[in-house]
Amino acid sequence: MSVDKHAQPHEDRHLQAFQHVLNLKHDLIDLKHAVKRARKSQDYSSLAALFERAEHSARAGRLFAKTTAAGE
């Protein structure tokens, strides 16, 4: 029995959408922990990069959703 290693186009889009959500979730978790550390240390200088990374993940997810919806 062989296994098809190539996902169907709709399955591939679902996997990509899930990956975008997962990336954003991880970025937000990292940000949450960084905010807790920053509050304890009163050093907020490292938060800007984490906010930018989370924003980038959110934008990538929105763009993917728009292009996927437009293509259907």
Protein backbone atom coordinates (compact mmCIF):
# COMPACT_ATOMS: atom_id res chain seq x y z
CA MET A 1 0.00 0.00 0.00
CA SER A 2 1.44 3.34 -0.99
CA VAL A 3 0.90 6.61 0.78
CA ASP A 4 0.22 9.72 -1.27
CA LYS A 5 2.70 12.27 0.04
CA HIS A 6 1.16 15.11 -1.92
CA ALA A 7 -1.80 16.79 -0.27
CA GLN A 8 -4.77 17.87 -2.32
CA PRO A 9 -4.92 21.64 -2.95
CA HIS A 10 -7.77 22.19 -0.47
CA GLU A 11 -5.98 20.09 2.17
CA ASP A 12 -2.81 22.07 1.57
CA ARG A 13 -4.68 25.35 2.12
CA HIS A 14 -6.14 23.99 5.35
CA LEU A 15 -2.71 22.99 6.57
CA GLN A 16 -1.30 26.39 5.67
CA ALA A 17 -4.15 28.16 7.46
CA PHE A 18 -3.59 26.01 10.53
CA GLN A 19 0.13 26.81 10.43
CA HIS A 20 -0.62 30.56 10.35
CA VAL A 21 -2.89 30.21 13.38
CA LEU A 22 -0.30 28.10 15.20
CA ASN A 23 2.47 30.62 14.48
CA LEU A 24 0.36 33.48 15.81
CA LYS A 25 -0.59 31.49 18.90
CA HIS A 26 3.07 30.77 19.68
CA ASP A 27 4.02 34.41 19.10
CA LEU A 28 1.29 35.56 21.48
CA ILE A 29 2.36 33.04 24.13
CA ASP A 30 5.96 34.27 23.82
CA LEU A 31 4.72 37.84 24.12
CA LYS A 32 2.67 37.00 27.21
CA HIS A 33 5.70 35.50 28.96
CA ALA A 34 7.90 38.40 27.90
CA VAL A 35 5.43 40.91 29.33
CA LYS A 36 5.47 39.06 32.65
CA ARG A 37 9.29 39.11 32.69
CA ALA A 38 9.34 42.79 31.72
CA ARG A 39 6.97 43.71 34.52
CA LYS A 40 9.17 41.95 37.06
CA SER A 41 12.38 43.51 35.77
CA GLN A 42 10.88 46.88 34.73
CA ASP A 43 12.80 46.49 31.44
CA TYR A 44 10.43 46.78 28.50
CA SER A 45 13.05 47.22 25.79
CA SER A 46 12.77 43.69 24.39
CA LEU A 47 9.00 43.79 23.88
CA ALA A 48 9.02 45.82 20.67
CA ALA A 49 10.52 43.01 18.61
CA LEU A 50 8.02 40.50 19.98
CA PHE A 51 5.09 42.80 19.21
CA GLU A 52 6.42 43.21 15.66
CA ARG A 53 6.77 39.45 15.23
CA ALA A 54 3.20 38.85 16.42
CA GLU A 55 1.95 41.62 14.16
CA HIS A 56 3.79 40.07 11.20
CA SER A 57 2.20 36.68 11.93
CA ALA A 58 -1.25 38.24 12.14
CA ARG A 59 -0.75 40.11 8.85
CA ALA A 60 0.49 36.96 7.12
CA GLY A 61 -2.57 35.09 8.33
CA ARG A 62 -4.95 37.83 7.18
CA LEU A 63 -3.26 38.00 3.78
CA PHE A 64 -3.47 34.23 3.41
CA ALA A 65 -7.17 34.30 4.32
CA LYS A 66 -7.88 37.09 1.80
CA THR A 67 -6.00 35.42 -1.05
CA THR A 68 -7.54 32.04 -0.29
CA ALA A 69 -11.05 33.47 -0.16
CA ALA A 70 -10.48 35.35 -3.40
CA GLY A 71 -9.25 32.20 -5.13
CA GLU A 72 -12.28 30.07 -4.23
